[in-house]
Amino acid sequence: MLISFLRKWPNFRGKKRLVRLLFKKRIQTERSLQLKGKYDCLYVVPNLTENVSFDIFANGVYEQETIDLICRFLPADGVFIDLGANIGAILVPVAKILPGASIIGVEAAPWLFSYLQENMALNGLSGRVKLYNRALYNT
């Protein structure tokens, strides 16, 4: 499959533009699809037009540098709190890389929270990761 081949390429300037050109119709039309990402992560994404889903589609991962940073500094039995967890694009790989960590995900948008819950189940993380469908504020 072409996308598997492209995912093996490093994230270079123009890669996203190339993927958008090659997969234009699919990106514009597909909804609620399942993607396999890096670290054997599975994701159900709402579409391919928004950045998080598109990056997983194009690169197999969203914000690799952020995941690397968290995993480098979080102790193996530490606590990771993902505020604004979205669909779990960072939370899922961190949970897979650091299976001993306690993980909490918070997402305010109910429609995104349903994707987050589904992604936890797909990756066998439902019992391990605590999820909250709440908005956060200073009070």
Protein backbone atom coordinates (compact mmCIF):
# COMPACT_ATOMS: atom_id res chain seq x y z
CA MET A 1 0.00 0.00 0.00
CA LEU A 2 1.30 3.45 -0.93
CA ILE A 3 0.58 5.07 2.43
CA SER A 4 2.67 2.39 4.24
CA PHE A 5 5.55 3.21 1.91
CA LEU A 6 5.19 6.97 2.51
CA ARG A 7 5.03 6.51 6.30
CA LYS A 8 8.53 5.02 6.22
CA TRP A 9 9.89 8.27 4.83
CA PRO A 10 11.05 10.86 7.36
CA ASN A 11 8.81 13.86 7.94
CA PHE A 12 10.35 16.22 5.38
CA ARG A 13 9.17 19.60 4.14
CA GLY A 14 6.48 18.97 1.55
CA LYS A 15 5.60 15.43 2.71
CA LYS A 16 2.15 16.44 3.93
CA ARG A 17 1.49 18.28 0.68
CA LEU A 18 2.48 15.17 -1.28
CA VAL A 19 0.19 12.94 0.82
CA ARG A 20 -2.69 15.41 0.38
CA LEU A 21 -2.16 15.38 -3.39
CA LEU A 22 -1.94 11.58 -3.68
CA PHE A 23 -4.90 10.88 -1.38
CA LYS A 24 -7.07 13.93 -2.08
CA LYS A 25 -10.33 12.05 -2.69
CA ARG A 26 -9.87 9.74 0.30
CA ILE A 27 -9.02 12.67 2.59
CA GLN A 28 -12.10 14.59 1.50
CA THR A 29 -14.60 11.74 1.69
CA GLU A 30 -13.69 9.17 4.36
CA ARG A 31 -15.31 9.40 7.77
CA SER A 32 -14.88 7.41 10.98
CA LEU A 33 -12.08 5.20 9.73
CA GLN A 34 -9.60 3.02 11.56
CA LEU A 35 -5.88 3.69 11.21
CA LYS A 36 -2.93 1.65 12.38
CA GLY A 37 -0.19 3.87 13.75
CA LYS A 38 3.32 3.57 15.08
CA TYR A 39 3.90 1.42 18.21
CA ASP A 40 1.05 -0.90 17.07
CA CYS A 41 -1.48 1.75 18.06
CA LEU A 42 -4.94 1.62 16.54
CA TYR A 43 -7.10 4.70 16.15
CA VAL A 44 -10.62 5.38 15.00
CA VAL A 45 -10.55 8.92 13.65
CA PRO A 46 -13.50 11.14 12.69
CA ASN A 47 -12.02 12.15 9.32
CA LEU A 48 -8.73 12.87 7.60
CA THR A 49 -9.20 16.60 7.17
CA GLU A 50 -8.20 17.67 10.68
CA ASN A 51 -4.52 17.78 11.70
CA VAL A 52 -4.37 15.04 14.35
CA SER A 53 -6.00 12.39 12.16
CA PHE A 54 -4.12 13.50 9.05
CA ASP A 55 -0.74 13.27 10.80
CA ILE A 56 -1.52 9.75 12.01
CA PHE A 57 -2.57 8.85 8.46
CA ALA A 58 0.54 10.38 6.86
CA ASN A 59 3.20 9.53 9.47
CA GLY A 60 1.68 6.85 11.69
CA VAL A 61 2.06 9.18 14.68
CA TYR A 62 1.04 12.63 15.88
CA GLU A 63 3.70 14.88 17.43
CA GLN A 64 6.49 12.31 17.65
CA GLU A 65 8.74 14.81 19.41
CA THR A 66 6.17 15.33 22.19
CA ILE A 67 5.79 11.57 22.70
CA ASP A 68 9.58 11.16 22.80
CA LEU A 69 9.92 13.97 25.37
CA ILE A 70 7.20 12.59 27.64
CA CYS A 71 8.63 9.07 27.49
CA ARG A 72 12.16 10.31 28.15
CA PHE A 73 11.26 12.22 31.33
CA LEU A 74 8.27 10.32 32.73
CA PRO A 75 9.38 7.60 35.15
CA ALA A 76 8.25 4.09 34.20
CA ASP A 77 5.78 4.16 37.13
CA GLY A 78 4.99 7.89 36.85
CA VAL A 79 1.70 9.70 36.28
CA PHE A 80 0.86 11.25 32.91
CA ILE A 81 -2.15 13.56 32.64
CA ASP A 82 -3.24 14.45 29.11
CA LEU A 83 -5.42 17.55 29.29
CA GLY A 84 -7.24 17.97 26.01
CA ALA A 85 -6.62 14.34 25.09
CA ASN A 86 -8.56 14.62 21.80
CA ILE A 87 -8.73 11.09 20.29
CA GLY A 88 -5.75 9.84 22.31
CA ALA A 89 -3.08 10.48 19.69
CA ILE A 90 -0.45 11.15 22.36
CA LEU A 91 -2.01 9.25 25.25
CA VAL A 92 -2.20 5.89 23.43
CA PRO A 93 1.47 5.67 22.37
CA VAL A 94 2.66 6.84 25.80
CA ALA A 95 0.51 4.14 27.45
CA LYS A 96 1.95 1.51 25.12
CA ILE A 97 5.57 2.62 25.57
CA LEU A 98 5.27 2.99 29.37
CA PRO A 99 2.91 0.20 30.50
CA GLY A 100 3.70 0.84 34.19
CA ALA A 101 2.66 4.49 34.14
CA SER A 102 -0.65 5.72 35.54
CA ILE A 103 -2.45 7.67 32.83
CA ILE A 104 -5.36 10.09 32.96
CA GLY A 105 -7.01 11.58 29.89
CA VAL A 106 -9.34 14.59 29.99
CA GLU A 107 -11.35 15.70 26.95
CA ALA A 108 -14.17 18.27 27.07
CA ALA A 109 -15.86 17.69 23.70
CA PRO A 110 -18.37 14.82 24.00
CA TRP A 111 -18.02 13.84 20.33
CA LEU A 112 -14.21 13.59 20.64
CA PHE A 113 -14.51 11.83 23.99
CA SER A 114 -16.42 8.99 22.30
CA TYR A 115 -13.48 8.50 19.89
CA LEU A 116 -11.08 8.61 22.85
CA GLN A 117 -13.05 5.87 24.62
CA GLU A 118 -13.14 3.75 21.48
CA ASN A 119 -9.39 4.14 20.98
CA MET A 120 -8.72 3.05 24.56
CA ALA A 121 -10.80 -0.09 23.95
CA LEU A 122 -9.14 -0.81 20.59
CA ASN A 123 -5.71 -0.70 22.23
CA GLY A 124 -6.66 -2.70 25.32
CA LEU A 125 -6.16 0.31 27.59
CA SER A 126 -9.70 0.77 28.95
CA GLY A 127 -8.97 -0.60 32.42
CA ARG A 128 -5.57 1.05 32.72
CA VAL A 129 -6.29 4.59 31.57
CA LYS A 130 -8.79 6.75 33.45
CA LEU A 131 -10.82 9.05 31.20
CA TYR A 132 -12.86 12.12 32.09
CA ASN A 133 -15.28 13.96 29.82
CA ARG A 134 -14.87 17.33 31.51
CA ALA A 135 -13.84 20.87 30.71
CA LEU A 136 -11.06 22.35 32.84
CA TYR A 137 -10.90 25.84 34.20
CA ASN A 138 -9.26 27.62 37.11
CA THR A 139 -12.31 27.13 39.40
